[in-house]
Amino acid sequence: MSATEQALLCFKISRLQFALPLDIVERTLRAVEVTNVPDANEILYGLINYHGDLIPVINLRHRFGLPAKEITLHDRFVVVLEKDKKMALVVDSIDEVKIVKNDQLRKVDIPLSFSQTKDKTLLNDAFSFIAEDDGILMIYELDKLINTEALIYIEKILKAQTTAS
């Protein structure tokens, strides 16, 4: 792969196609039982035991305004490492690893809100899009999608769970 290309993990949530840079993806796995945690909000499904570590399971459906859905055995978890934090993202299906040329990407600024604050945050350069024959593939930067406030909240939940253990 050259410097003008990047590898993406493509997946679906509902009818929408998404992708993440492959370099932040540690692993994909079948959905497993998620332990609910007290005071969890809509962005956090709960926690899973991942090789002895407790990691948060993130609900991207809520973030994108999609209808709520219980996790099933048909769902997949994408385990990512972002800013030294591991988390599992719940997706409906994994499609493929795709190599794209950087000049195919189109940047768009999109306002998204984190439900706890109802704050509309403009995510500058957070999303890139590629138009494909079967729709639009949305590529996002995880650290901008899961904002700092959400990460602090998740860290607080993890600390409370670790202390309680």
C-alpha atoms as a PDB file:
ATOM      1  CA  MET A   1       0.000   0.000   0.000  1.00  0.00           C
ATOM      2  CA  SER A   2       1.377   3.397  -0.943  1.00  0.00           C
ATOM      3  CA  ALA A   3       1.279   6.701   0.959  1.00  0.00           C
ATOM      4  CA  THR A   4      -1.563   7.823  -1.329  1.00  0.00           C
ATOM      5  CA  GLU A   5      -3.820   4.955  -0.202  1.00  0.00           C
ATOM      6  CA  GLN A   6      -5.392   3.742   2.996  1.00  0.00           C
ATOM      7  CA  ALA A   7      -6.960   0.490   4.176  1.00  0.00           C
ATOM      8  CA  LEU A   8     -10.492   0.665   5.564  1.00  0.00           C
ATOM      9  CA  LEU A   9     -12.647  -1.841   7.427  1.00  0.00           C
ATOM     10  CA  CYS A  10     -16.129  -1.549   5.882  1.00  0.00           C
ATOM     11  CA  PHE A  11     -19.256  -2.473   7.844  1.00  0.00           C
ATOM     12  CA  LYS A  12     -22.996  -1.844   8.004  1.00  0.00           C
ATOM     13  CA  ILE A  13     -25.271  -0.450  10.655  1.00  0.00           C
ATOM     14  CA  SER A  14     -28.898  -0.680   9.577  1.00  0.00           C
ATOM     15  CA  ARG A  15     -28.935   0.204   5.876  1.00  0.00           C
ATOM     16  CA  LEU A  16     -25.917   2.540   6.103  1.00  0.00           C
ATOM     17  CA  GLN A  17     -22.335   1.720   5.054  1.00  0.00           C
ATOM     18  CA  PHE A  18     -19.448   2.871   7.259  1.00  0.00           C
ATOM     19  CA  ALA A  19     -15.695   2.429   7.394  1.00  0.00           C
ATOM     20  CA  LEU A  20     -12.882   2.902   9.869  1.00  0.00           C
ATOM     21  CA  PRO A  21      -9.178   3.207   9.182  1.00  0.00           C
ATOM     22  CA  LEU A  22      -7.868  -0.345   9.511  1.00  0.00           C
ATOM     23  CA  ASP A  23      -4.909   0.776  11.600  1.00  0.00           C
ATOM     24  CA  ILE A  24      -7.145   1.457  14.650  1.00  0.00           C
ATOM     25  CA  VAL A  25      -8.977  -1.889  14.376  1.00  0.00           C
ATOM     26  CA  GLU A  26      -7.576  -4.567  16.656  1.00  0.00           C
ATOM     27  CA  ARG A  27     -10.077  -7.299  15.851  1.00  0.00           C
ATOM     28  CA  THR A  28     -13.627  -8.138  14.838  1.00  0.00           C
ATOM     29  CA  LEU A  29     -15.653 -10.737  16.687  1.00  0.00           C
ATOM     30  CA  ARG A  30     -19.127 -12.143  17.024  1.00  0.00           C
ATOM     31  CA  ALA A  31     -21.291 -10.405  19.562  1.00  0.00           C
ATOM     32  CA  VAL A  32     -21.073 -11.788  23.078  1.00  0.00           C
ATOM     33  CA  GLU A  33     -23.087 -11.133  26.203  1.00  0.00           C
ATOM     34  CA  VAL A  34     -22.794  -7.546  27.386  1.00  0.00           C
ATOM     35  CA  THR A  35     -22.925  -6.722  31.098  1.00  0.00           C
ATOM     36  CA  ASN A  36     -25.151  -3.744  31.797  1.00  0.00           C
ATOM     37  CA  VAL A  37     -23.727  -1.041  34.019  1.00  0.00           C
ATOM     38  CA  PRO A  38     -25.607   1.334  36.318  1.00  0.00           C
ATOM     39  CA  ASP A  39     -26.057   4.870  35.038  1.00  0.00           C
ATOM     40  CA  ALA A  40     -25.133   3.953  31.464  1.00  0.00           C
ATOM     41  CA  ASN A  41     -26.468   6.326  28.838  1.00  0.00           C
ATOM     42  CA  GLU A  42     -27.598   5.698  25.265  1.00  0.00           C
ATOM     43  CA  ILE A  43     -24.070   5.627  23.850  1.00  0.00           C
ATOM     44  CA  LEU A  44     -22.881   2.825  26.177  1.00  0.00           C
ATOM     45  CA  TYR A  45     -24.466  -0.641  25.928  1.00  0.00           C
ATOM     46  CA  GLY A  46     -22.315  -1.955  28.783  1.00  0.00           C
ATOM     47  CA  LEU A  47     -19.052  -3.862  29.240  1.00  0.00           C
ATOM     48  CA  ILE A  48     -17.498  -7.077  27.948  1.00  0.00           C
ATOM     49  CA  ASN A  49     -14.593  -9.139  29.193  1.00  0.00           C
ATOM     50  CA  TYR A  50     -12.020  -9.023  26.406  1.00  0.00           C
ATOM     51  CA  HIS A  51      -9.002 -11.187  27.235  1.00  0.00           C
ATOM     52  CA  GLY A  52      -9.269 -10.247  30.916  1.00  0.00           C
ATOM     53  CA  ASP A  53      -9.864  -6.532  30.317  1.00  0.00           C
ATOM     54  CA  LEU A  54     -13.198  -4.788  30.777  1.00  0.00           C
ATOM     55  CA  ILE A  55     -13.938  -2.767  27.661  1.00  0.00           C
ATOM     56  CA  PRO A  56     -16.958  -0.581  26.893  1.00  0.00           C
ATOM     57  CA  VAL A  57     -19.420  -1.574  24.176  1.00  0.00           C
ATOM     58  CA  ILE A  58     -20.460   1.493  22.184  1.00  0.00           C
ATOM     59  CA  ASN A  59     -23.856   2.073  20.569  1.00  0.00           C
ATOM     60  CA  LEU A  60     -23.222   3.849  17.260  1.00  0.00           C
ATOM     61  CA  ARG A  61     -26.909   3.519  16.309  1.00  0.00           C
ATOM     62  CA  HIS A  62     -27.786   6.182  18.846  1.00  0.00           C
ATOM     63  CA  ARG A  63     -24.991   8.433  17.623  1.00  0.00           C
ATOM     64  CA  PHE A  64     -26.339   8.321  14.070  1.00  0.00           C
ATOM     65  CA  GLY A  65     -30.003   8.685  15.054  1.00  0.00           C
ATOM     66  CA  LEU A  66     -30.897   5.138  13.969  1.00  0.00           C
ATOM     67  CA  PRO A  67     -33.626   3.103  15.672  1.00  0.00           C
ATOM     68  CA  ALA A  68     -32.579   1.278  18.838  1.00  0.00           C
ATOM     69  CA  LYS A  69     -31.941  -2.444  18.565  1.00  0.00           C
ATOM     70  CA  GLU A  70     -30.959  -5.117  21.057  1.00  0.00           C
ATOM     71  CA  ILE A  71     -27.629  -6.814  20.420  1.00  0.00           C
ATOM     72  CA  THR A  72     -28.093 -10.261  18.862  1.00  0.00           C
ATOM     73  CA  LEU A  73     -25.724 -13.137  18.140  1.00  0.00           C
ATOM     74  CA  HIS A  74     -25.800 -12.057  14.471  1.00  0.00           C
ATOM     75  CA  ASP A  75     -24.195  -8.696  15.301  1.00  0.00           C
ATOM     76  CA  ARG A  76     -20.453  -8.108  15.272  1.00  0.00           C
ATOM     77  CA  PHE A  77     -18.118  -6.183  17.549  1.00  0.00           C
ATOM     78  CA  VAL A  78     -15.275  -4.145  16.091  1.00  0.00           C
ATOM     79  CA  VAL A  79     -12.617  -3.809  18.783  1.00  0.00           C
ATOM     80  CA  VAL A  80     -10.705  -0.587  18.287  1.00  0.00           C
ATOM     81  CA  LEU A  81      -7.859   1.123  20.068  1.00  0.00           C
ATOM     82  CA  GLU A  82      -8.176   4.899  20.228  1.00  0.00           C
ATOM     83  CA  LYS A  83      -6.049   7.145  22.445  1.00  0.00           C
ATOM     84  CA  ASP A  84      -4.881   4.118  24.480  1.00  0.00           C
ATOM     85  CA  LYS A  85      -8.499   3.126  25.104  1.00  0.00           C
ATOM     86  CA  LYS A  86     -10.002  -0.090  23.795  1.00  0.00           C
ATOM     87  CA  MET A  87     -13.676  -0.207  22.991  1.00  0.00           C
ATOM     88  CA  ALA A  88     -16.032  -2.449  21.068  1.00  0.00           C
ATOM     89  CA  LEU A  89     -18.322  -0.897  18.466  1.00  0.00           C
ATOM     90  CA  VAL A  90     -21.531  -2.778  17.722  1.00  0.00           C
ATOM     91  CA  VAL A  91     -22.191  -3.213  13.996  1.00  0.00           C
ATOM     92  CA  ASP A  92     -24.713  -5.289  12.069  1.00  0.00           C
ATOM     93  CA  SER A  93     -22.221  -6.854   9.671  1.00  0.00           C
ATOM     94  CA  ILE A  94     -18.617  -6.683   8.498  1.00  0.00           C
ATOM     95  CA  ASP A  95     -18.312  -6.290   4.734  1.00  0.00           C
ATOM     96  CA  GLU A  96     -14.674  -6.128   3.660  1.00  0.00           C
ATOM     97  CA  VAL A  97     -11.296  -4.497   3.926  1.00  0.00           C
ATOM     98  CA  LYS A  98     -11.043  -1.957   1.132  1.00  0.00           C
ATOM     99  CA  ILE A  99      -7.992  -0.095  -0.151  1.00  0.00           C
ATOM    100  CA  VAL A 100      -8.923   3.404  -1.314  1.00  0.00           C
ATOM    101  CA  LYS A 101      -6.936   6.200  -2.880  1.00  0.00           C
ATOM    102  CA  ASN A 102      -6.839   9.341  -0.769  1.00  0.00           C
ATOM    103  CA  ASP A 103      -8.020  11.457  -3.715  1.00  0.00           C
ATOM    104  CA  GLN A 104     -11.307   9.479  -3.743  1.00  0.00           C
ATOM    105  CA  LEU A 105     -12.223  10.850  -0.313  1.00  0.00           C
ATOM    106  CA  ARG A 106     -14.521  13.854   0.032  1.00  0.00           C
ATOM    107  CA  LYS A 107     -14.542  15.732   3.357  1.00  0.00           C
ATOM    108  CA  VAL A 108     -17.802  17.073   4.762  1.00  0.00           C
ATOM    109  CA  ASP A 109     -18.494  18.904   8.043  1.00  0.00           C
ATOM    110  CA  ILE A 110     -21.499  17.416   9.826  1.00  0.00           C
ATOM    111  CA  PRO A 111     -23.141  18.535  13.074  1.00  0.00           C
ATOM    112  CA  LEU A 112     -23.730  15.677  15.522  1.00  0.00           C
ATOM    113  CA  SER A 113     -24.931  15.900  19.087  1.00  0.00           C
ATOM    114  CA  PHE A 114     -23.962  13.896  22.130  1.00  0.00           C
ATOM    115  CA  SER A 115     -27.246  13.102  23.857  1.00  0.00           C
ATOM    116  CA  GLN A 116     -26.052  13.870  27.392  1.00  0.00           C
ATOM    117  CA  THR A 117     -25.496  17.539  26.615  1.00  0.00           C
ATOM    118  CA  LYS A 118     -27.689  18.150  23.570  1.00  0.00           C
ATOM    119  CA  ASP A 119     -24.711  20.198  22.392  1.00  0.00           C
ATOM    120  CA  LYS A 120     -24.431  20.463  18.631  1.00  0.00           C
ATOM    121  CA  THR A 121     -20.801  19.982  17.754  1.00  0.00           C
ATOM    122  CA  LEU A 122     -19.475  20.602  14.265  1.00  0.00           C
ATOM    123  CA  LEU A 123     -17.103  17.774  13.463  1.00  0.00           C
ATOM    124  CA  ASN A 124     -14.602  19.466  11.173  1.00  0.00           C
ATOM    125  CA  ASP A 125     -12.934  16.912   8.907  1.00  0.00           C
ATOM    126  CA  ALA A 126     -14.402  14.097  11.018  1.00  0.00           C
ATOM    127  CA  PHE A 127     -16.069  12.425   8.072  1.00  0.00           C
ATOM    128  CA  SER A 128     -15.023  11.520   4.594  1.00  0.00           C
ATOM    129  CA  PHE A 129     -17.288   9.999   1.993  1.00  0.00           C
ATOM    130  CA  ILE A 130     -16.838   7.860  -1.072  1.00  0.00           C
ATOM    131  CA  ALA A 131     -19.671   7.535  -3.586  1.00  0.00           C
ATOM    132  CA  GLU A 132     -20.044   3.906  -4.663  1.00  0.00           C
ATOM    133  CA  ASP A 133     -22.394   2.136  -7.052  1.00  0.00           C
ATOM    134  CA  ASP A 134     -24.498   0.752  -4.194  1.00  0.00           C
ATOM    135  CA  GLY A 135     -24.556   3.900  -2.046  1.00  0.00           C
ATOM    136  CA  ILE A 136     -22.317   6.162  -0.007  1.00  0.00           C
ATOM    137  CA  LEU A 137     -19.538   4.813   2.203  1.00  0.00           C
ATOM    138  CA  MET A 138     -18.986   7.039   5.254  1.00  0.00           C
ATOM    139  CA  ILE A 139     -15.492   6.949   6.748  1.00  0.00           C
ATOM    140  CA  TYR A 140     -15.060   8.501  10.144  1.00  0.00           C
ATOM    141  CA  GLU A 141     -12.376   9.412  12.626  1.00  0.00           C
ATOM    142  CA  LEU A 142     -13.339   7.644  15.825  1.00  0.00           C
ATOM    143  CA  ASP A 143     -11.870  10.219  18.207  1.00  0.00           C
ATOM    144  CA  LYS A 144     -14.124  12.889  16.716  1.00  0.00           C
ATOM    145  CA  LEU A 145     -17.228  10.704  16.611  1.00  0.00           C
ATOM    146  CA  ILE A 146     -16.854   9.490  20.189  1.00  0.00           C
ATOM    147  CA  ASN A 147     -16.168  12.911  21.650  1.00  0.00           C
ATOM    148  CA  THR A 148     -14.053  13.726  24.680  1.00  0.00           C
ATOM    149  CA  GLU A 149     -17.053  14.109  26.961  1.00  0.00           C
ATOM    150  CA  ALA A 150     -18.287  10.631  26.033  1.00  0.00           C
ATOM    151  CA  LEU A 151     -14.811   9.159  26.585  1.00  0.00           C
ATOM    152  CA  ILE A 152     -14.607  10.789  30.043  1.00  0.00           C
ATOM    153  CA  TYR A 153     -18.040   9.369  30.894  1.00  0.00           C
ATOM    154  CA  ILE A 154     -16.999   5.876  29.744  1.00  0.00           C
ATOM    155  CA  GLU A 155     -13.746   6.102  31.719  1.00  0.00           C
ATOM    156  CA  LYS A 156     -15.734   7.047  34.843  1.00  0.00           C
ATOM    157  CA  ILE A 157     -17.990   4.006  34.396  1.00  0.00           C
ATOM    158  CA  LEU A 158     -14.956   1.739  33.905  1.00  0.00           C
ATOM    159  CA  LYS A 159     -13.272   3.099  37.042  1.00  0.00           C
ATOM    160  CA  ALA A 160     -16.419   2.528  39.083  1.00  0.00           C
ATOM    161  CA  GLN A 161     -16.706  -1.043  37.793  1.00  0.00           C
ATOM    162  CA  THR A 162     -13.028  -1.775  38.508  1.00  0.00           C
ATOM    163  CA  THR A 163     -13.319  -0.356  42.016  1.00  0.00           C
ATOM    164  CA  ALA A 164     -16.445  -2.427  42.667  1.00  0.00           C
ATOM    165  CA  SER A 165     -14.704  -5.659  41.569  1.00  0.00           C
END
